[in-house]
Protein backbone atom coordinates (compact mmCIF):
# COMPACT_ATOMS: atom_id res chain seq x y z
CA MET A 1 25.06 0.52 2.87
CA ARG A 2 24.10 2.78 -0.03
CA THR A 3 20.82 3.38 -1.82
CA ASP A 4 22.49 2.16 -5.01
CA ASP A 5 22.71 -1.27 -3.36
CA PHE A 6 18.94 -1.60 -3.87
CA ASP A 7 18.85 -0.53 -7.50
CA TYR A 8 18.35 -2.86 -10.46
CA PRO A 9 17.62 -2.43 -14.18
CA LEU A 10 13.88 -2.95 -14.72
CA PRO A 11 12.87 -3.18 -18.40
CA ASP A 12 9.82 -1.05 -19.12
CA GLU A 13 8.11 -3.95 -20.90
CA LEU A 14 8.09 -5.96 -17.65
CA ILE A 15 6.04 -3.36 -15.77
CA ALA A 16 2.56 -4.88 -15.71
CA GLN A 17 -0.07 -2.55 -17.17
CA ALA A 18 -3.10 -4.70 -16.30
CA PRO A 19 -3.88 -7.33 -13.67
CA ALA A 20 -3.83 -11.04 -14.32
CA GLU A 21 -7.19 -12.59 -15.10
CA PRO A 22 -8.26 -14.37 -13.02
CA ARG A 23 -6.42 -12.75 -10.14
CA ASP A 24 -4.76 -15.92 -8.86
CA SER A 25 -3.43 -16.97 -12.27
CA CYS A 26 -0.32 -14.81 -11.96
CA ARG A 27 3.10 -16.33 -11.40
CA LEU A 28 4.66 -16.94 -8.00
CA LEU A 29 8.36 -16.93 -7.24
CA VAL A 30 9.09 -18.74 -3.96
CA LEU A 31 12.32 -17.66 -2.27
CA HIS A 32 13.59 -20.08 0.37
CA ARG A 33 15.69 -18.04 2.77
CA ALA A 34 17.43 -21.09 4.22
CA ASP A 35 19.45 -21.67 1.04
CA GLY A 36 18.48 -18.87 -1.35
CA ARG A 37 16.80 -21.32 -3.73
CA CYS A 38 13.96 -20.10 -5.97
CA GLU A 39 10.94 -22.05 -7.19
CA HIS A 40 8.64 -20.90 -9.95
CA ARG A 41 4.96 -21.67 -9.56
CA ALA A 42 1.49 -20.23 -10.14
CA PHE A 43 -0.04 -18.12 -7.38
CA THR A 44 -2.76 -20.71 -6.82
CA ASP A 45 0.06 -22.98 -5.59
CA VAL A 46 0.79 -20.66 -2.65
CA ILE A 47 -1.40 -22.94 -0.54
CA ASP A 48 1.17 -25.73 -1.03
CA PHE A 49 3.66 -23.69 1.01
CA LEU A 50 1.23 -23.00 3.87
CA ASP A 51 0.66 -25.52 6.63
CA PRO A 52 -2.49 -26.12 8.69
CA GLY A 53 -2.22 -23.83 11.69
CA ASP A 54 -0.32 -21.09 9.84
CA LEU A 55 -1.89 -17.64 10.03
CA LEU A 56 -2.32 -15.31 7.05
CA VAL A 57 -2.60 -11.62 8.01
CA ALA A 58 -3.71 -9.18 5.30
CA ASN A 59 -4.36 -5.46 5.07
CA ARG A 60 -8.07 -4.88 4.45
CA THR A 61 -7.82 -1.18 3.58
CA ARG A 62 -9.77 0.06 0.57
CA VAL A 63 -8.57 2.63 -1.96
CA LEU A 64 -10.34 5.97 -2.02
CA PRO A 65 -11.19 7.49 -5.44
CA ALA A 66 -8.57 10.03 -4.47
CA ARG A 67 -7.53 11.41 -7.87
CA LEU A 68 -9.45 14.57 -8.70
CA VAL A 69 -9.02 16.39 -12.02
CA GLY A 70 -10.54 19.85 -12.20
CA HIS A 71 -10.15 23.38 -13.50
CA LYS A 72 -8.63 26.37 -11.74
CA ALA A 73 -11.46 28.76 -10.98
CA GLN A 74 -9.31 31.81 -11.73
CA THR A 75 -8.00 30.75 -15.16
CA GLY A 76 -9.85 27.60 -16.26
CA GLY A 77 -6.57 25.72 -16.56
CA VAL A 78 -6.39 22.03 -15.73
CA ALA A 79 -5.37 21.11 -12.18
CA GLU A 80 -4.97 17.68 -10.60
CA THR A 81 -5.30 16.90 -6.92
CA LEU A 82 -4.45 13.67 -5.12
CA LEU A 83 -6.00 13.22 -1.68
CA LEU A 84 -3.49 11.90 0.83
CA LYS A 85 -4.68 12.33 4.40
CA ARG A 86 -7.67 13.82 6.19
CA ARG A 87 -6.72 16.52 8.68
CA GLU A 88 -9.27 16.08 11.46
CA ASP A 89 -7.05 18.30 13.61
CA LEU A 90 -8.00 21.20 11.33
CA ASP A 91 -11.60 20.22 10.62
CA ALA A 92 -13.48 17.55 12.57
CA LEU A 93 -15.95 17.19 9.67
CA GLY A 94 -13.20 15.90 7.38
CA GLY A 95 -13.27 18.73 4.86
CA VAL A 96 -9.55 19.48 5.11
CA TRP A 97 -7.00 17.20 3.44
CA GLU A 98 -3.31 17.03 2.77
CA CYS A 99 -2.96 16.66 -0.99
CA LEU A 100 -0.48 16.55 -3.83
CA VAL A 101 -1.40 19.14 -6.43
CA THR A 102 -0.32 19.69 -10.03
CA PRO A 103 0.80 22.17 -11.30
CA GLY A 104 2.23 22.82 -7.84
CA ARG A 105 4.05 26.07 -8.56
CA ARG A 106 0.91 27.80 -9.84
CA LEU A 107 -1.46 26.53 -7.14
CA ARG A 108 -0.59 28.64 -4.15
CA PRO A 109 -2.61 29.52 -1.02
CA GLY A 110 -5.86 31.18 -2.02
CA ALA A 111 -6.18 29.37 -5.35
CA THR A 112 -9.45 27.54 -5.97
CA VAL A 113 -10.07 24.43 -8.07
CA GLU A 114 -13.50 23.28 -9.20
CA TYR A 115 -14.23 19.60 -9.82
CA ARG A 116 -17.12 18.22 -11.85
CA ALA A 117 -18.59 14.75 -12.18
CA GLY A 118 -16.74 13.16 -15.06
CA GLY A 119 -13.51 14.97 -14.22
CA LEU A 120 -11.46 16.59 -16.95
CA HIS A 121 -13.85 15.57 -19.72
CA ALA A 122 -16.85 17.26 -18.13
CA PRO A 123 -17.85 20.45 -19.94
CA LEU A 124 -16.93 23.65 -18.16
CA GLY A 125 -20.60 24.49 -17.97
CA ALA A 126 -21.40 21.34 -16.00
CA PRO A 127 -22.38 21.85 -12.35
CA VAL A 128 -19.53 21.92 -9.86
CA VAL A 129 -19.78 19.04 -7.37
CA LEU A 130 -16.71 19.88 -5.29
CA ARG A 131 -14.63 23.01 -4.73
CA GLY A 132 -11.16 22.97 -3.21
CA THR A 133 -9.32 26.01 -1.85
CA ILE A 134 -5.57 25.87 -1.20
CA GLU A 135 -4.91 26.98 2.37
CA GLU A 136 -1.20 26.32 2.96
CA PHE A 137 1.83 24.30 1.96
CA VAL A 138 2.65 20.94 3.51
CA PRO A 139 6.11 21.17 5.11
CA ASP A 140 8.80 19.02 3.48
CA SER A 141 6.48 17.72 0.74
CA ARG A 142 6.96 18.46 -2.95
CA GLY A 143 3.68 19.66 -4.39
CA GLY A 144 2.01 19.15 -1.01
CA ARG A 145 -0.84 21.44 -0.01
CA VAL A 146 -3.48 21.65 2.69
CA VAL A 147 -6.80 21.98 0.86
CA ARG A 148 -10.24 22.79 2.27
CA PHE A 149 -12.99 21.11 0.26
CA GLU A 150 -16.58 22.29 -0.05
CA PRO A 151 -19.17 19.89 -1.50
CA MET A 152 -21.72 21.53 -3.81
CA GLY A 153 -25.35 20.92 -4.71
CA GLY A 154 -26.41 19.53 -1.34
CA ARG A 155 -23.97 16.60 -1.52
CA THR A 156 -21.97 15.28 1.38
CA LEU A 157 -18.20 15.47 1.01
CA ASP A 158 -17.95 11.71 0.44
CA GLU A 159 -20.66 11.85 -2.22
CA ALA A 160 -18.89 14.70 -4.01
CA ILE A 161 -15.52 12.91 -3.91
CA HIS A 162 -17.09 9.77 -5.37
CA GLU A 163 -18.77 11.73 -8.17
CA ALA A 164 -15.62 13.62 -9.12
CA GLY A 165 -12.86 11.20 -8.15
CA HIS A 166 -11.05 8.30 -9.75
CA VAL A 167 -9.02 5.45 -8.25
CA PRO A 168 -5.40 6.67 -8.33
CA LEU A 169 -3.35 4.06 -10.14
CA PRO A 170 0.44 4.23 -9.66
CA PRO A 171 2.23 6.57 -12.07
CA TYR A 172 3.97 3.70 -13.86
CA ILE A 173 0.59 2.23 -14.94
CA THR A 174 -0.48 4.18 -17.99
CA GLY A 175 -3.59 3.82 -20.10
CA TYR A 176 -5.39 1.18 -18.00
CA GLU A 177 -9.11 1.44 -18.71
CA GLY A 178 -10.27 -1.80 -17.11
CA ASP A 179 -12.45 -2.34 -14.07
CA PRO A 180 -11.14 -0.11 -11.24
CA GLU A 181 -12.33 -2.76 -8.78
CA LYS A 182 -9.36 -4.87 -9.96
CA TYR A 183 -7.22 -2.41 -7.97
CA GLN A 184 -9.09 -3.42 -4.79
CA THR A 185 -8.66 -6.65 -2.85
CA VAL A 186 -11.65 -8.99 -2.70
CA TYR A 187 -11.64 -8.74 1.10
CA ALA A 188 -11.36 -4.93 1.36
CA MET A 189 -13.49 -3.15 3.92
CA ARG A 190 -16.35 -0.88 2.81
CA GLU A 191 -14.81 2.34 4.10
CA GLU A 192 -12.19 3.91 1.85
CA HIS A 193 -9.06 5.39 3.40
CA SER A 194 -6.01 4.62 1.24
CA ALA A 195 -4.33 6.44 -1.63
CA ALA A 196 -2.87 3.15 -2.94
CA ALA A 197 -3.77 -0.54 -2.78
CA PRO A 198 -2.04 -3.20 -0.67
CA THR A 199 -1.11 -4.92 -3.90
CA ALA A 200 0.13 -8.30 -2.62
CA GLY A 201 -3.47 -9.04 -1.67
CA LEU A 202 -4.78 -8.41 -5.19
CA HIS A 203 -3.89 -12.00 -6.14
CA PHE A 204 -6.33 -13.65 -3.73
CA THR A 205 -9.73 -14.82 -4.94
CA PRO A 206 -12.70 -15.92 -2.80
CA ALA A 207 -12.12 -19.49 -3.99
CA LEU A 208 -8.46 -19.46 -2.96
CA LEU A 209 -9.32 -18.02 0.43
CA GLU A 210 -11.88 -20.78 0.92
CA ARG A 211 -9.27 -23.41 0.03
CA CYS A 212 -6.96 -21.90 2.65
CA ARG A 213 -9.67 -22.05 5.30
CA ALA A 214 -10.52 -25.63 4.36
CA LYS A 215 -6.86 -26.59 4.87
CA GLY A 216 -6.90 -25.12 8.37
CA ILE A 217 -4.95 -21.96 7.58
CA GLY A 218 -5.98 -19.01 9.74
CA TRP A 219 -7.02 -15.63 8.36
CA GLU A 220 -6.98 -12.24 10.06
CA THR A 221 -6.88 -8.65 8.84
CA VAL A 222 -5.23 -5.46 9.98
CA GLU A 223 -5.66 -2.01 8.47
CA LEU A 224 -2.95 0.35 7.31
CA GLU A 225 -3.90 3.41 5.29
CA VAL A 226 -1.44 3.31 2.42
CA GLY A 227 -0.06 6.70 1.42
CA ILE A 228 1.11 7.75 -2.02
CA ASP A 229 4.63 8.04 -0.60
CA THR A 230 4.81 4.27 -0.95
CA PHE A 231 5.77 4.94 -4.61
CA ARG A 232 8.55 7.37 -3.73
CA LEU A 233 12.15 6.52 -4.47
CA VAL A 234 14.84 7.06 -1.87
CA GLU A 235 16.75 10.06 -3.20
CA GLU A 236 19.43 10.21 -0.52
CA ASP A 237 22.68 8.35 -1.24
CA ASP A 238 22.64 7.14 2.37
CA PRO A 239 19.28 5.38 2.90
CA THR A 240 19.45 5.94 6.66
CA GLN A 241 18.95 9.66 5.96
CA HIS A 242 15.61 9.06 4.25
CA VAL A 243 12.58 10.33 6.19
CA MET A 244 9.91 7.63 6.24
CA HIS A 245 6.32 8.72 5.70
CA THR A 246 3.75 8.24 8.48
CA GLU A 247 0.63 6.12 8.03
CA ARG A 248 -2.32 5.33 10.26
CA TYR A 249 -2.82 1.69 11.20
CA HIS A 250 -4.94 -0.62 13.34
CA VAL A 251 -4.02 -4.00 14.84
CA PRO A 252 -7.07 -5.16 16.83
CA GLN A 253 -6.92 -7.48 19.83
CA ARG A 254 -8.30 -10.41 17.84
CA VAL A 255 -5.17 -10.28 15.63
CA VAL A 256 -2.93 -10.14 18.70
CA ASP A 257 -4.73 -13.19 20.12
CA ALA A 258 -4.44 -15.06 16.82
CA VAL A 259 -0.71 -14.33 16.60
CA HIS A 260 -0.21 -15.56 20.18
CA ALA A 261 -2.13 -18.76 19.47
CA THR A 262 -0.27 -19.40 16.21
CA LYS A 263 3.16 -18.91 17.76
CA ALA A 264 2.29 -20.99 20.83
CA ALA A 265 1.30 -23.89 18.56
CA GLY A 266 4.60 -23.69 16.68
CA HIS A 267 3.14 -22.31 13.45
CA ARG A 268 3.99 -19.31 11.29
CA VAL A 269 2.57 -15.81 10.89
CA VAL A 270 2.52 -15.10 7.13
CA ALA A 271 2.03 -11.43 6.23
CA VAL A 272 0.22 -10.63 2.98
CA GLY A 273 2.10 -7.59 1.75
CA THR A 274 4.60 -5.13 3.13
CA THR A 275 1.85 -3.01 4.69
CA SER A 276 0.77 -5.99 6.80
CA VAL A 277 4.42 -6.52 7.75
CA ARG A 278 4.76 -2.91 8.86
CA SER A 279 1.49 -3.09 10.81
CA LEU A 280 2.44 -6.24 12.71
CA GLU A 281 6.00 -5.15 13.41
CA SER A 282 4.83 -1.66 14.44
CA ALA A 283 2.56 -3.32 17.00
CA TRP A 284 5.58 -4.97 18.66
CA ASP A 285 6.23 -3.42 22.07
CA PRO A 286 9.73 -4.26 23.37
CA GLU A 287 8.62 -3.50 26.92
CA ALA A 288 5.38 -5.52 26.94
CA PRO A 289 5.51 -8.60 29.18
CA ALA A 290 5.35 -11.83 27.17
CA ALA A 291 3.68 -15.07 28.23
CA ASP A 292 7.02 -16.68 29.06
CA GLY A 293 7.94 -13.87 31.44
CA ALA A 294 10.34 -12.18 29.02
CA ARG A 295 9.99 -8.66 27.64
CA GLY A 296 8.63 -7.93 24.20
CA ASP A 297 5.28 -8.82 22.66
CA ILE A 298 2.75 -7.74 20.04
CA VAL A 299 0.03 -5.53 21.50
CA GLU A 300 -3.22 -3.99 20.29
CA ARG A 301 -2.87 -0.76 18.33
CA LEU A 302 -5.99 1.21 17.43
CA ASP A 303 -5.89 4.45 15.47
CA ALA A 304 -2.12 4.56 15.82
CA THR A 305 0.50 5.95 13.45
CA THR A 306 3.72 4.38 12.24
CA ASN A 307 6.77 5.49 10.30
CA LEU A 308 8.57 2.18 10.81
CA TYR A 309 11.48 1.92 8.40
CA LEU A 310 12.72 -1.64 7.93
CA MET A 311 16.08 -2.09 6.25
CA PRO A 312 18.96 -4.58 6.45
CA GLY A 313 19.89 -4.89 10.11
CA SER A 314 16.28 -4.59 11.31
CA THR A 315 14.79 -7.38 13.42
CA PHE A 316 11.43 -8.97 12.64
CA HIS A 317 9.63 -10.03 15.81
CA VAL A 318 6.22 -11.14 14.52
CA VAL A 319 6.36 -12.07 10.82
CA ASP A 320 7.74 -15.49 9.82
CA ALA A 321 7.00 -15.45 6.08
CA MET A 322 5.81 -12.85 3.59
CA ILE A 323 3.77 -12.70 0.38
CA THR A 324 4.70 -9.64 -1.65
CA ASN A 325 5.00 -8.22 -5.15
CA PHE A 326 8.13 -7.15 -7.02
CA HIS A 327 9.03 -3.61 -6.01
CA VAL A 328 10.31 -0.40 -7.54
CA PRO A 329 14.12 -0.07 -7.61
CA ARG A 330 15.67 2.17 -4.92
CA SER A 331 12.51 2.09 -2.80
CA THR A 332 12.00 1.51 0.91
CA LEU A 333 10.11 -1.64 -0.04
CA MET A 334 13.24 -3.07 -1.68
CA MET A 335 15.02 -2.41 1.59
CA LEU A 336 12.25 -4.07 3.60
CA VAL A 337 12.33 -7.32 1.64
CA SER A 338 16.15 -7.23 1.68
CA ALA A 339 15.95 -6.99 5.46
CA PHE A 340 13.59 -9.97 5.66
CA ALA A 341 15.78 -12.15 3.44
CA THR A 342 19.20 -10.77 2.54
CA ARG A 343 20.12 -8.19 -0.05
CA ASP A 344 22.07 -10.78 -2.06
CA GLN A 345 19.15 -13.22 -2.02
CA ILE A 346 16.68 -10.55 -3.12
CA MET A 347 18.87 -9.16 -5.90
CA ALA A 348 19.56 -12.68 -7.22
CA ALA A 349 15.85 -13.54 -7.12
CA TYR A 350 14.92 -10.32 -8.91
CA GLN A 351 17.47 -11.00 -11.64
CA GLU A 352 16.07 -14.51 -12.05
CA ALA A 353 12.56 -13.05 -12.31
CA ILE A 354 13.72 -10.59 -14.97
CA ASP A 355 15.43 -13.36 -16.92
CA MET A 356 12.22 -15.40 -16.79
CA ARG A 357 10.08 -12.41 -17.83
CA TYR A 358 8.00 -12.05 -14.69
CA ARG A 359 5.61 -9.11 -14.57
CA PHE A 360 6.63 -6.43 -12.05
CA LEU A 361 5.08 -3.89 -9.67
CA SER A 362 1.46 -3.34 -8.60
CA PHE A 363 -0.38 -5.36 -11.28
CA GLY A 364 2.48 -7.85 -11.61
CA ASP A 365 3.40 -11.26 -10.30
CA ALA A 366 3.99 -12.31 -6.70
CA MET A 367 6.77 -13.56 -4.47
CA LEU A 368 6.62 -15.72 -1.35
CA ILE A 369 9.61 -15.26 0.97
CA GLU A 370 9.68 -18.07 3.50
């Protein structure tokens, strides 16, 4: 197995630059794993492939306005900072973060960046709302820094971040000036923890969710804090040598109970997005006693971390079907979906989607793998 096995030519014009309107009007490619057959539908038709008693599990995380554009205090030059992960181990108040900074080479420990409401377009004379001081490098992370932030003007840190920050769209989405709420799911929690959206869930509308409930389809949510590393390509020729990033996740007991009830009744657990897949499969404990007396069961996970890396050869213990988007070539997400179906099925389906001019990546169309 080589990383090249998960590469494919993606035309730039097929990378969606804006979301479908309404959300559930995008296209849906249905891949039937039993025979590799593809169907082409609208996303609103996803309910036709879900049976009463099936359980949808989605990631309810919300995206933080984690992109900060400011000026270096020493020179006035432009500097960009992307918040990745709070470091409570270094500051219980949450003022210390792991970040990606640009320009990385010129922002070394001791450098200070000042951020103003309005970001880069704010005049240099405008009051500073947030100040960040580089403290150290993040090991094994290109452009990674540990930054200590100081809110200004009597603001809390969260208030300052919201005044200065912007929702960080993926780097392949350029020039989008629409409603940033379109990069949030309609069922997202109030608290903001992620650097990227769980994009498979962007297609659901309140009306579609209500139709699912009316049909008797269950609904539960987990939480996985999506890191910006989700956009990273696998650079190693041998994908097994790739170091998977770590993300915090929560699978509460109510989800465990719902999974047990769904499986016991002979129905399917359908994950909405790869982050939900990774949450559910990370919560599988091979040593936990199951109801039938065997070993292996899903268990509650609260404030846990996972670096689960699913690739061809991996076993899925919890998830029976998956709703997902079309993913970046040579990414761990391509490997995950190739593990759930087969590599040949996924590559054939992607080529069919390209031939039929589907829209790809975060704002693009959807796929149901069943």
